[in-house]
PDB file of N, CA and C in Angstrom:
ATOM      1  N   UNK A   1      18.463 -19.635 -88.145  1.00  0.00           N
ATOM      2  CA  UNK A   1      17.690 -18.588 -88.778  1.00  0.00           C
ATOM      3  C   UNK A   1      16.605 -19.215 -89.632  1.00  0.00           C
ATOM      4  N   UNK A   2      15.426 -18.629 -89.584  1.00  0.00           N
ATOM      5  CA  UNK A   2      14.330 -19.027 -90.460  1.00  0.00           C
ATOM      6  C   UNK A   2      14.311 -18.070 -91.642  1.00  0.00           C
ATOM      7  N   UNK A   3      14.171 -18.632 -92.830  1.00  0.00           N
ATOM      8  CA  UNK A   3      14.105 -17.822 -94.040  1.00  0.00           C
ATOM      9  C   UNK A   3      12.766 -18.044 -94.720  1.00  0.00           C
ATOM     10  N   UNK A   4      12.113 -16.950 -95.052  1.00  0.00           N
ATOM     11  CA  UNK A   4      10.866 -16.986 -95.807  1.00  0.00           C
ATOM     12  C   UNK A   4      11.168 -16.562 -97.231  1.00  0.00           C
ATOM     13  N   UNK A   5      10.770 -17.382 -98.171  1.00  0.00           N
ATOM     14  CA  UNK A   5      10.886 -17.021 -99.586  1.00  0.00           C
ATOM     15  C   UNK A   5       9.481 -16.758-100.115  1.00  0.00           C
ATOM     16  N   UNK A   6       9.347 -15.655-100.832  1.00  0.00           N
ATOM     17  CA  UNK A   6       8.056 -15.276-101.394  1.00  0.00           C
ATOM     18  C   UNK A   6       8.109 -15.528-102.896  1.00  0.00           C
ATOM     19  N   UNK A   7       7.162 -16.300-103.381  1.00  0.00           N
ATOM     20  CA  UNK A   7       7.080 -16.574-104.815  1.00  0.00           C
ATOM     21  C   UNK A   7       6.021 -15.687-105.448  1.00  0.00           C
ATOM     22  N   UNK A   8       6.454 -14.898-106.414  1.00  0.00           N
ATOM     23  CA  UNK A   8       5.560 -13.972-107.119  1.00  0.00           C
ATOM     24  C   UNK A   8       5.286 -14.491-108.526  1.00  0.00           C
ATOM     25  N   UNK A   9       4.100 -14.194-109.026  1.00  0.00           N
ATOM     26  CA  UNK A   9       3.729 -14.544-110.386  1.00  0.00           C
ATOM     27  C   UNK A   9       2.841 -13.427-110.930  1.00  0.00           C
ATOM     28  N   UNK A  10       3.333 -12.714-111.916  1.00  0.00           N
ATOM     29  CA  UNK A  10       2.587 -11.614-112.543  1.00  0.00           C
ATOM     30  C   UNK A  10       2.112 -10.584-111.510  1.00  0.00           C
ATOM     31  N   UNK A  11       3.008 -10.213-110.600  1.00  0.00           N
ATOM     32  CA  UNK A  11       2.693  -9.188-109.614  1.00  0.00           C
ATOM     33  C   UNK A  11       1.828  -9.640-108.450  1.00  0.00           C
ATOM     34  N   UNK A  12       1.579 -10.923-108.371  1.00  0.00           N
ATOM     35  CA  UNK A  12       0.753 -11.472-107.280  1.00  0.00           C
ATOM     36  C   UNK A  12       1.564 -12.511-106.512  1.00  0.00           C
ATOM     37  N   UNK A  13       1.305 -12.595-105.222  1.00  0.00           N
ATOM     38  CA  UNK A  13       1.971 -13.622-104.417  1.00  0.00           C
ATOM     39  C   UNK A  13       1.352 -14.965-104.773  1.00  0.00           C
ATOM     40  N   UNK A  14       2.205 -15.904-105.106  1.00  0.00           N
ATOM     41  CA  UNK A  14       1.749 -17.258-105.458  1.00  0.00           C
ATOM     42  C   UNK A  14       2.010 -18.250-104.337  1.00  0.00           C
ATOM     43  N   UNK A  15       3.130 -17.992-103.568  1.00  0.00           N
ATOM     44  CA  UNK A  15       3.446 -18.948-102.504  1.00  0.00           C
ATOM     45  C   UNK A  15       4.391 -18.344-101.477  1.00  0.00           C
ATOM     46  N   UNK A  16       4.362 -18.946-100.298  1.00  0.00           N
ATOM     47  CA  UNK A  16       5.324 -18.696 -99.233  1.00  0.00           C
ATOM     48  C   UNK A  16       6.042 -20.007 -98.958  1.00  0.00           C
ATOM     49  N   UNK A  17       7.349 -19.943 -98.767  1.00  0.00           N
ATOM     50  CA  UNK A  17       8.129 -21.106 -98.377  1.00  0.00           C
ATOM     51  C   UNK A  17       8.993 -20.692 -97.186  1.00  0.00           C
ATOM     52  N   UNK A  18       8.762 -21.309 -96.049  1.00  0.00           N
ATOM     53  CA  UNK A  18       9.473 -20.965 -94.819  1.00  0.00           C
ATOM     54  C   UNK A  18      10.283 -22.171 -94.369  1.00  0.00           C
ATOM     55  N   UNK A  19      11.575 -21.928 -94.096  1.00  0.00           N
ATOM     56  CA  UNK A  19      12.457 -23.044 -93.756  1.00  0.00           C
ATOM     57  C   UNK A  19      13.459 -22.624 -92.692  1.00  0.00           C
ATOM     58  N   UNK A  20      13.765 -23.561 -91.796  1.00  0.00           N
ATOM     59  CA  UNK A  20      14.824 -23.373 -90.815  1.00  0.00           C
ATOM     60  C   UNK A  20      14.313 -23.009 -89.436  1.00  0.00           C
ATOM     61  N   UNK A  21      15.144 -23.295 -88.466  1.00  0.00           N
ATOM     62  CA  UNK A  21      14.838 -22.974 -87.071  1.00  0.00           C
ATOM     63  C   UNK A  21      15.352 -21.573 -86.753  1.00  0.00           C
ATOM     64  N   UNK A  22      14.574 -20.800 -86.021  1.00  0.00           N
ATOM     65  CA  UNK A  22      14.965 -19.413 -85.743  1.00  0.00           C
ATOM     66  C   UNK A  22      16.171 -19.324 -84.819  1.00  0.00           C
ATOM     67  N   UNK A  23      16.279 -20.255 -83.873  1.00  0.00           N
ATOM     68  CA  UNK A  23      17.402 -20.222 -82.939  1.00  0.00           C
ATOM     69  C   UNK A  23      17.299 -19.136 -81.891  1.00  0.00           C
ATOM     70  N   UNK A  24      16.125 -18.556 -81.737  1.00  0.00           N
ATOM     71  CA  UNK A  24      15.950 -17.499 -80.748  1.00  0.00           C
ATOM     72  C   UNK A  24      16.001 -18.035 -79.319  1.00  0.00           C
ATOM     73  N   UNK A  25      15.380 -19.196 -79.114  1.00  0.00           N
ATOM     74  CA  UNK A  25      15.303 -19.807 -77.783  1.00  0.00           C
ATOM     75  C   UNK A  25      15.123 -21.314 -77.965  1.00  0.00           C
ATOM     76  N   UNK A  26      15.262 -22.084 -76.877  1.00  0.00           N
ATOM     77  CA  UNK A  26      15.044 -23.530 -76.979  1.00  0.00           C
ATOM     78  C   UNK A  26      13.619 -23.852 -77.452  1.00  0.00           C
ATOM     79  N   UNK A  27      13.491 -25.015 -78.092  1.00  0.00           N
ATOM     80  CA  UNK A  27      12.178 -25.471 -78.556  1.00  0.00           C
ATOM     81  C   UNK A  27      11.178 -25.425 -77.414  1.00  0.00           C
ATOM     82  N   UNK A  28      10.002 -24.930 -77.714  1.00  0.00           N
ATOM     83  CA  UNK A  28       8.957 -24.795 -76.707  1.00  0.00           C
ATOM     84  C   UNK A  28       8.939 -23.432 -76.048  1.00  0.00           C
ATOM     85  N   UNK A  29      10.019 -22.681 -76.203  1.00  0.00           N
ATOM     86  CA  UNK A  29      10.106 -21.337 -75.623  1.00  0.00           C
ATOM     87  C   UNK A  29      10.417 -20.274 -76.670  1.00  0.00           C
ATOM     88  N   UNK A  30      10.500 -20.666 -77.915  1.00  0.00           N
ATOM     89  CA  UNK A  30      10.941 -19.771 -78.983  1.00  0.00           C
ATOM     90  C   UNK A  30       9.770 -18.944 -79.515  1.00  0.00           C
ATOM     91  N   UNK A  31       9.695 -17.693 -79.080  1.00  0.00           N
ATOM     92  CA  UNK A  31       8.575 -16.832 -79.485  1.00  0.00           C
ATOM     93  C   UNK A  31       8.652 -16.435 -80.955  1.00  0.00           C
ATOM     94  N   UNK A  32       9.840 -16.364 -81.516  1.00  0.00           N
ATOM     95  CA  UNK A  32       9.973 -16.025 -82.931  1.00  0.00           C
ATOM     96  C   UNK A  32       9.447 -17.182 -83.781  1.00  0.00           C
ATOM     97  N   UNK A  33       9.813 -18.383 -83.420  1.00  0.00           N
ATOM     98  CA  UNK A  33       9.311 -19.570 -84.112  1.00  0.00           C
ATOM     99  C   UNK A  33       7.787 -19.649 -83.991  1.00  0.00           C
ATOM    100  N   UNK A  34       7.273 -19.402 -82.809  1.00  0.00           N
ATOM    101  CA  UNK A  34       5.828 -19.451 -82.594  1.00  0.00           C
ATOM    102  C   UNK A  34       5.113 -18.419 -83.459  1.00  0.00           C
ATOM    103  N   UNK A  35       5.661 -17.212 -83.526  1.00  0.00           N
ATOM    104  CA  UNK A  35       5.045 -16.156 -84.330  1.00  0.00           C
ATOM    105  C   UNK A  35       5.045 -16.527 -85.815  1.00  0.00           C
ATOM    106  N   UNK A  36       6.172 -17.000 -86.311  1.00  0.00           N
ATOM    107  CA  UNK A  36       6.272 -17.381 -87.731  1.00  0.00           C
ATOM    108  C   UNK A  36       5.325 -18.536 -88.039  1.00  0.00           C
ATOM    109  N   UNK A  37       5.268 -19.503 -87.156  1.00  0.00           N
ATOM    110  CA  UNK A  37       4.411 -20.673 -87.370  1.00  0.00           C
ATOM    111  C   UNK A  37       2.945 -20.289 -87.397  1.00  0.00           C
ATOM    112  N   UNK A  38       2.535 -19.420 -86.497  1.00  0.00           N
ATOM    113  CA  UNK A  38       1.123 -19.046 -86.453  1.00  0.00           C
ATOM    114  C   UNK A  38       0.751 -18.184 -87.650  1.00  0.00           C
ATOM    115  N   UNK A  39       1.678 -17.357 -88.125  1.00  0.00           N
ATOM    116  CA  UNK A  39       1.395 -16.585 -89.343  1.00  0.00           C
ATOM    117  C   UNK A  39       1.183 -17.515 -90.536  1.00  0.00           C
ATOM    118  N   UNK A  40       2.056 -18.496 -90.693  1.00  0.00           N
ATOM    119  CA  UNK A  40       1.937 -19.435 -91.813  1.00  0.00           C
ATOM    120  C   UNK A  40       0.651 -20.261 -91.706  1.00  0.00           C
ATOM    121  N   UNK A  41       0.335 -20.742 -90.518  1.00  0.00           N
ATOM    122  CA  UNK A  41      -0.882 -21.535 -90.326  1.00  0.00           C
ATOM    123  C   UNK A  41      -2.134 -20.688 -90.538  1.00  0.00           C
ATOM    124  N   UNK A  42      -2.109 -19.459 -90.060  1.00  0.00           N
ATOM    125  CA  UNK A  42      -3.246 -18.561 -90.251  1.00  0.00           C
ATOM    126  C   UNK A  42      -3.464 -18.288 -91.735  1.00  0.00           C
ATOM    127  N   UNK A  43      -2.382 -18.130 -92.469  1.00  0.00           N
ATOM    128  CA  UNK A  43      -2.478 -17.920 -93.915  1.00  0.00           C
ATOM    129  C   UNK A  43      -3.216 -19.083 -94.570  1.00  0.00           C
ATOM    130  N   UNK A  44      -2.741 -20.293 -94.324  1.00  0.00           N
ATOM    131  CA  UNK A  44      -3.361 -21.471 -94.932  1.00  0.00           C
ATOM    132  C   UNK A  44      -4.819 -21.619 -94.510  1.00  0.00           C
ATOM    133  N   UNK A  45      -5.092 -21.423 -93.236  1.00  0.00           N
ATOM    134  CA  UNK A  45      -6.459 -21.570 -92.731  1.00  0.00           C
ATOM    135  C   UNK A  45      -7.391 -20.493 -93.272  1.00  0.00           C
ATOM    136  N   UNK A  46      -6.915 -19.248 -93.355  1.00  0.00           N
ATOM    137  CA  UNK A  46      -7.744 -18.152 -93.860  1.00  0.00           C
ATOM    138  C   UNK A  46      -8.021 -18.299 -95.350  1.00  0.00           C
ATOM    139  N   UNK A  47      -7.056 -18.813 -96.094  1.00  0.00           N
ATOM    140  CA  UNK A  47      -7.312 -19.045 -97.519  1.00  0.00           C
ATOM    141  C   UNK A  47      -8.497 -19.982 -97.694  1.00  0.00           C
ATOM    142  N   UNK A  48      -8.556 -20.989 -96.845  1.00  0.00           N
ATOM    143  CA  UNK A  48      -9.665 -21.939 -96.946  1.00  0.00           C
ATOM    144  C   UNK A  48     -10.961 -21.390 -96.361  1.00  0.00           C
ATOM    145  N   UNK A  49     -10.896 -20.848 -95.139  1.00  0.00           N
ATOM    146  CA  UNK A  49     -12.129 -20.455 -94.451  1.00  0.00           C
ATOM    147  C   UNK A  49     -12.678 -19.102 -94.893  1.00  0.00           C
ATOM    148  N   UNK A  50     -11.826 -18.197 -95.338  1.00  0.00           N
ATOM    149  CA  UNK A  50     -12.290 -16.864 -95.739  1.00  0.00           C
ATOM    150  C   UNK A  50     -12.443 -16.763 -97.255  1.00  0.00           C
ATOM    151  N   UNK A  51     -11.412 -17.220 -97.995  1.00  0.00           N
ATOM    152  CA  UNK A  51     -11.438 -17.091 -99.456  1.00  0.00           C
ATOM    153  C   UNK A  51     -12.093 -18.278-100.147  1.00  0.00           C
ATOM    154  N   UNK A  52     -12.277 -19.378 -99.421  1.00  0.00           N
ATOM    155  CA  UNK A  52     -12.874 -20.561-100.033  1.00  0.00           C
ATOM    156  C   UNK A  52     -11.935 -21.279-100.989  1.00  0.00           C
ATOM    157  N   UNK A  53     -10.635 -21.129-100.762  1.00  0.00           N
ATOM    158  CA  UNK A  53      -9.614 -21.725-101.616  1.00  0.00           C
ATOM    159  C   UNK A  53      -8.878 -22.792-100.820  1.00  0.00           C
ATOM    160  N   UNK A  54      -8.649 -23.938-101.424  1.00  0.00           N
ATOM    161  CA  UNK A  54      -7.875 -24.978-100.764  1.00  0.00           C
ATOM    162  C   UNK A  54      -6.421 -24.843-101.210  1.00  0.00           C
ATOM    163  N   UNK A  55      -5.561 -24.245-100.360  1.00  0.00           N
ATOM    164  CA  UNK A  55      -4.162 -24.083-100.751  1.00  0.00           C
ATOM    165  C   UNK A  55      -3.426 -25.417-100.684  1.00  0.00           C
ATOM    166  N   UNK A  56      -2.338 -25.488-101.411  1.00  0.00           N
ATOM    167  CA  UNK A  56      -1.457 -26.642-101.308  1.00  0.00           C
ATOM    168  C   UNK A  56      -0.507 -26.358-100.153  1.00  0.00           C
ATOM    169  N   UNK A  57      -0.460 -27.234 -99.171  1.00  0.00           N
ATOM    170  CA  UNK A  57       0.375 -27.024 -97.986  1.00  0.00           C
ATOM    171  C   UNK A  57       1.328 -28.199 -97.855  1.00  0.00           C
ATOM    172  N   UNK A  58       2.597 -27.859 -97.717  1.00  0.00           N
ATOM    173  CA  UNK A  58       3.640 -28.870 -97.537  1.00  0.00           C
ATOM    174  C   UNK A  58       4.332 -28.581 -96.212  1.00  0.00           C
ATOM    175  N   UNK A  59       4.544 -29.621 -95.416  1.00  0.00           N
ATOM    176  CA  UNK A  59       5.238 -29.463 -94.136  1.00  0.00           C
ATOM    177  C   UNK A  59       6.326 -30.511 -94.024  1.00  0.00           C
ATOM    178  N   UNK A  60       7.420 -30.097 -93.434  1.00  0.00           N
ATOM    179  CA  UNK A  60       8.521 -31.013 -93.171  1.00  0.00           C
ATOM    180  C   UNK A  60       9.084 -30.708 -91.801  1.00  0.00           C
ATOM    181  N   UNK A  61       8.803 -31.581 -90.863  1.00  0.00           N
ATOM    182  CA  UNK A  61       9.213 -31.358 -89.472  1.00  0.00           C
ATOM    183  C   UNK A  61      10.731 -31.292 -89.317  1.00  0.00           C
ATOM    184  N   UNK A  62      11.428 -32.237 -89.938  1.00  0.00           N
ATOM    185  CA  UNK A  62      12.872 -32.319 -89.736  1.00  0.00           C
ATOM    186  C   UNK A  62      13.599 -31.067 -90.231  1.00  0.00           C
ATOM    187  N   UNK A  63      13.221 -30.586 -91.407  1.00  0.00           N
ATOM    188  CA  UNK A  63      13.888 -29.399 -91.938  1.00  0.00           C
ATOM    189  C   UNK A  63      13.170 -28.102 -91.588  1.00  0.00           C
ATOM    190  N   UNK A  64      12.179 -28.189 -90.690  1.00  0.00           N
ATOM    191  CA  UNK A  64      11.406 -27.018 -90.264  1.00  0.00           C
ATOM    192  C   UNK A  64      10.892 -26.276 -91.497  1.00  0.00           C
ATOM    193  N   UNK A  65      10.113 -26.963 -92.305  1.00  0.00           N
ATOM    194  CA  UNK A  65       9.633 -26.441 -93.577  1.00  0.00           C
ATOM    195  C   UNK A  65       8.120 -26.294 -93.564  1.00  0.00           C
ATOM    196  N   UNK A  66       7.634 -25.178 -94.107  1.00  0.00           N
ATOM    197  CA  UNK A  66       6.213 -25.026 -94.390  1.00  0.00           C
ATOM    198  C   UNK A  66       6.088 -24.207 -95.659  1.00  0.00           C
ATOM    199  N   UNK A  67       5.338 -24.766 -96.612  1.00  0.00           N
ATOM    200  CA  UNK A  67       5.110 -24.098 -97.884  1.00  0.00           C
ATOM    201  C   UNK A  67       3.601 -23.986 -98.079  1.00  0.00           C
ATOM    202  N   UNK A  68       3.144 -22.775 -98.423  1.00  0.00           N
ATOM    203  CA  UNK A  68       1.737 -22.532 -98.728  1.00  0.00           C
ATOM    204  C   UNK A  68       1.690 -21.991-100.154  1.00  0.00           C
ATOM    205  N   UNK A  69       0.997 -22.722-101.031  1.00  0.00           N
ATOM    206  CA  UNK A  69       0.921 -22.346-102.443  1.00  0.00           C
ATOM    207  C   UNK A  69      -0.542 -22.229-102.865  1.00  0.00           C
ATOM    208  N   UNK A  70      -0.837 -21.154-103.578  1.00  0.00           N
ATOM    209  CA  UNK A  70      -2.184 -20.986-104.120  1.00  0.00           C
ATOM    210  C   UNK A  70      -2.373 -21.923-105.306  1.00  0.00           C
ATOM    211  N   UNK A  71      -3.577 -22.468-105.467  1.00  0.00           N
ATOM    212  CA  UNK A  71      -3.816 -23.338-106.620  1.00  0.00           C
ATOM    213  C   UNK A  71      -3.790 -22.534-107.917  1.00  0.00           C
ATOM    214  N   UNK A  72      -3.486 -23.213-109.006  1.00  0.00           N
ATOM    215  CA  UNK A  72      -3.451 -22.569-110.321  1.00  0.00           C
ATOM    216  C   UNK A  72      -4.872 -22.277-110.800  1.00  0.00           C
ATOM    217  N   UNK A  73      -4.973 -21.289-111.680  1.00  0.00           N
ATOM    218  CA  UNK A  73      -6.244 -21.024-112.342  1.00  0.00           C
ATOM    219  C   UNK A  73      -7.273 -20.264-111.536  1.00  0.00           C
ATOM    220  N   UNK A  74      -6.855 -19.608-110.475  1.00  0.00           N
ATOM    221  CA  UNK A  74      -7.822 -18.844-109.686  1.00  0.00           C
ATOM    222  C   UNK A  74      -8.165 -17.542-110.401  1.00  0.00           C
ATOM    223  N   UNK A  75      -9.409 -17.123-110.270  1.00  0.00           N
ATOM    224  CA  UNK A  75      -9.797 -15.817-110.789  1.00  0.00           C
ATOM    225  C   UNK A  75     -10.940 -15.263-109.966  1.00  0.00           C
ATOM    226  N   UNK A  76     -11.365 -14.068-110.279  1.00  0.00           N
ATOM    227  CA  UNK A  76     -12.509 -13.474-109.626  1.00  0.00           C
ATOM    228  C   UNK A  76     -12.261 -13.079-108.182  1.00  0.00           C
ATOM    229  N   UNK A  77     -13.335 -13.071-107.431  1.00  0.00           N
ATOM    230  CA  UNK A  77     -13.312 -12.611-106.045  1.00  0.00           C
ATOM    231  C   UNK A  77     -12.420 -13.475-105.157  1.00  0.00           C
ATOM    232  N   UNK A  78     -12.409 -14.773-105.378  1.00  0.00           N
ATOM    233  CA  UNK A  78     -11.565 -15.656-104.561  1.00  0.00           C
ATOM    234  C   UNK A  78     -10.098 -15.302-104.732  1.00  0.00           C
ATOM    235  N   UNK A  79      -9.681 -15.010-105.947  1.00  0.00           N
ATOM    236  CA  UNK A  79      -8.284 -14.646-106.211  1.00  0.00           C
ATOM    237  C   UNK A  79      -7.939 -13.326-105.535  1.00  0.00           C
ATOM    238  N   UNK A  80      -8.854 -12.379-105.583  1.00  0.00           N
ATOM    239  CA  UNK A  80      -8.621 -11.080-104.932  1.00  0.00           C
ATOM    240  C   UNK A  80      -8.541 -11.235-103.420  1.00  0.00           C
ATOM    241  N   UNK A  81      -9.449 -12.010-102.855  1.00  0.00           N
ATOM    242  CA  UNK A  81      -9.434 -12.251-101.414  1.00  0.00           C
ATOM    243  C   UNK A  81      -8.151 -12.970-101.014  1.00  0.00           C
ATOM    244  N   UNK A  82      -7.721 -13.912-101.827  1.00  0.00           N
ATOM    245  CA  UNK A  82      -6.471 -14.634-101.548  1.00  0.00           C
ATOM    246  C   UNK A  82      -5.293 -13.666-101.494  1.00  0.00           C
ATOM    247  N   UNK A  83      -5.247 -12.694-102.395  1.00  0.00           N
ATOM    248  CA  UNK A  83      -4.150 -11.723-102.390  1.00  0.00           C
ATOM    249  C   UNK A  83      -4.184 -10.840-101.154  1.00  0.00           C
ATOM    250  N   UNK A  84      -5.367 -10.467-100.718  1.00  0.00           N
ATOM    251  CA  UNK A  84      -5.472  -9.677 -99.483  1.00  0.00           C
ATOM    252  C   UNK A  84      -4.910 -10.478 -98.312  1.00  0.00           C
ATOM    253  N   UNK A  85      -5.263 -11.748 -98.234  1.00  0.00           N
ATOM    254  CA  UNK A  85      -4.765 -12.608 -97.154  1.00  0.00           C
ATOM    255  C   UNK A  85      -3.245 -12.764 -97.268  1.00  0.00           C
ATOM    256  N   UNK A  86      -2.755 -13.087 -98.446  1.00  0.00           N
ATOM    257  CA  UNK A  86      -1.319 -13.306 -98.628  1.00  0.00           C
ATOM    258  C   UNK A  86      -0.516 -12.040 -98.319  1.00  0.00           C
ATOM    259  N   UNK A  87      -0.992 -10.889 -98.754  1.00  0.00           N
ATOM    260  CA  UNK A  87      -0.275  -9.634 -98.512  1.00  0.00           C
ATOM    261  C   UNK A  87      -0.351  -9.216 -97.045  1.00  0.00           C
ATOM    262  N   UNK A  88      -1.454  -9.523 -96.395  1.00  0.00           N
ATOM    263  CA  UNK A  88      -1.577  -9.228 -94.965  1.00  0.00           C
ATOM    264  C   UNK A  88      -0.598 -10.084 -94.170  1.00  0.00           C
ATOM    265  N   UNK A  89      -0.532 -11.362 -94.495  1.00  0.00           N
ATOM    266  CA  UNK A  89       0.403 -12.258 -93.814  1.00  0.00           C
ATOM    267  C   UNK A  89       1.842 -11.848 -94.122  1.00  0.00           C
ATOM    268  N   UNK A  90       2.120 -11.444 -95.360  1.00  0.00           N
ATOM    269  CA  UNK A  90       3.463 -10.963 -95.695  1.00  0.00           C
ATOM    270  C   UNK A  90       3.835  -9.765 -94.831  1.00  0.00           C
ATOM    271  N   UNK A  91       2.885  -8.873 -94.567  1.00  0.00           N
ATOM    272  CA  UNK A  91       3.175  -7.738 -93.692  1.00  0.00           C
ATOM    273  C   UNK A  91       3.543  -8.219 -92.294  1.00  0.00           C
ATOM    274  N   UNK A  92       2.835  -9.231 -91.802  1.00  0.00           N
ATOM    275  CA  UNK A  92       3.178  -9.807 -90.503  1.00  0.00           C
ATOM    276  C   UNK A  92       4.584 -10.388 -90.499  1.00  0.00           C
ATOM    277  N   UNK A  93       4.954 -11.088 -91.579  1.00  0.00           N
ATOM    278  CA  UNK A  93       6.306 -11.629 -91.688  1.00  0.00           C
ATOM    279  C   UNK A  93       7.345 -10.503 -91.734  1.00  0.00           C
ATOM    280  N   UNK A  94       7.042  -9.415 -92.440  1.00  0.00           N
ATOM    281  CA  UNK A  94       7.962  -8.274 -92.500  1.00  0.00           C
ATOM    282  C   UNK A  94       8.147  -7.664 -91.114  1.00  0.00           C
ATOM    283  N   UNK A  95       7.055  -7.533 -90.385  1.00  0.00           N
ATOM    284  CA  UNK A  95       7.143  -6.995 -89.018  1.00  0.00           C
ATOM    285  C   UNK A  95       8.017  -7.889 -88.146  1.00  0.00           C
ATOM    286  N   UNK A  96       7.850  -9.202 -88.281  1.00  0.00           N
ATOM    287  CA  UNK A  96       8.649 -10.158 -87.519  1.00  0.00           C
ATOM    288  C   UNK A  96      10.127 -10.043 -87.893  1.00  0.00           C
ATOM    289  N   UNK A  97      10.399  -9.914 -89.180  1.00  0.00           N
ATOM    290  CA  UNK A  97      11.767  -9.780 -89.658  1.00  0.00           C
ATOM    291  C   UNK A  97      12.426  -8.506 -89.138  1.00  0.00           C
ATOM    292  N   UNK A  98      11.684  -7.429 -89.073  1.00  0.00           N
ATOM    293  CA  UNK A  98      12.224  -6.169 -88.557  1.00  0.00           C
ATOM    294  C   UNK A  98      12.488  -6.247 -87.055  1.00  0.00           C
ATOM    295  N   UNK A  99      11.632  -6.959 -86.341  1.00  0.00           N
ATOM    296  CA  UNK A  99      11.789  -7.075 -84.890  1.00  0.00           C
ATOM    297  C   UNK A  99      12.903  -8.055 -84.507  1.00  0.00           C
ATOM    298  N   UNK A 100      13.114  -9.083 -85.309  1.00  0.00           N
ATOM    299  CA  UNK A 100      14.096 -10.136 -84.999  1.00  0.00           C
ATOM    300  C   UNK A 100      14.958 -10.452 -86.220  1.00  0.00           C
ATOM    301  N   UNK A 101      15.722  -9.495 -86.724  1.00  0.00           N
ATOM    302  CA  UNK A 101      16.484  -9.695 -87.974  1.00  0.00           C
ATOM    303  C   UNK A 101      17.563 -10.765 -87.905  1.00  0.00           C
ATOM    304  N   UNK A 102      18.031 -11.116 -86.727  1.00  0.00           N
ATOM    305  CA  UNK A 102      19.053 -12.160 -86.599  1.00  0.00           C
ATOM    306  C   UNK A 102      18.436 -13.560 -86.623  1.00  0.00           C
ATOM    307  N   UNK A 103      17.108 -13.625 -86.561  1.00  0.00           N
ATOM    308  CA  UNK A 103      16.444 -14.919 -86.429  1.00  0.00           C
ATOM    309  C   UNK A 103      15.431 -15.216 -87.533  1.00  0.00           C
ATOM    310  N   UNK A 104      14.994 -14.168 -88.260  1.00  0.00           N
ATOM    311  CA  UNK A 104      13.983 -14.354 -89.298  1.00  0.00           C
ATOM    312  C   UNK A 104      14.277 -13.402 -90.454  1.00  0.00           C
ATOM    313  N   UNK A 105      14.397 -13.953 -91.657  1.00  0.00           N
ATOM    314  CA  UNK A 105      14.668 -13.100 -92.814  1.00  0.00           C
ATOM    315  C   UNK A 105      13.722 -13.441 -93.959  1.00  0.00           C
ATOM    316  N   UNK A 106      13.584 -12.490 -94.870  1.00  0.00           N
ATOM    317  CA  UNK A 106      12.706 -12.654 -96.016  1.00  0.00           C
ATOM    318  C   UNK A 106      13.507 -12.474 -97.294  1.00  0.00           C
ATOM    319  N   UNK A 107      13.329 -13.408 -98.221  1.00  0.00           N
ATOM    320  CA  UNK A 107      13.874 -13.293 -99.560  1.00  0.00           C
ATOM    321  C   UNK A 107      12.669 -13.062-100.468  1.00  0.00           C
ATOM    322  N   UNK A 108      12.561 -11.854-100.948  1.00  0.00           N
ATOM    323  CA  UNK A 108      11.358 -11.462-101.702  1.00  0.00           C
ATOM    324  C   UNK A 108      11.662 -11.352-103.176  1.00  0.00           C
TER     325      UNK A 108
END
């Protein structure tokens, strides 16, 4: 099972931490893993390319870990755009969790 933990700070999403293998199918054929991975990667990429923010990204292949954290001290339009991106990606994760509850869960 893959677990997504959402880190909140003052009512705003500060980070996503995703860990574990979904176990839906063998590696290379796991559509749940692929969906979760692309959501996390899209989040990190959109923060940089759309919001102009360089997120802190941590990856760990062995433990199937990906963490995306917003930098401290953000304000203004970039911070607002970052929240739109983070909340949009969270909705995608929620949809994935509802479709595959035995393989993907969210701790919010």
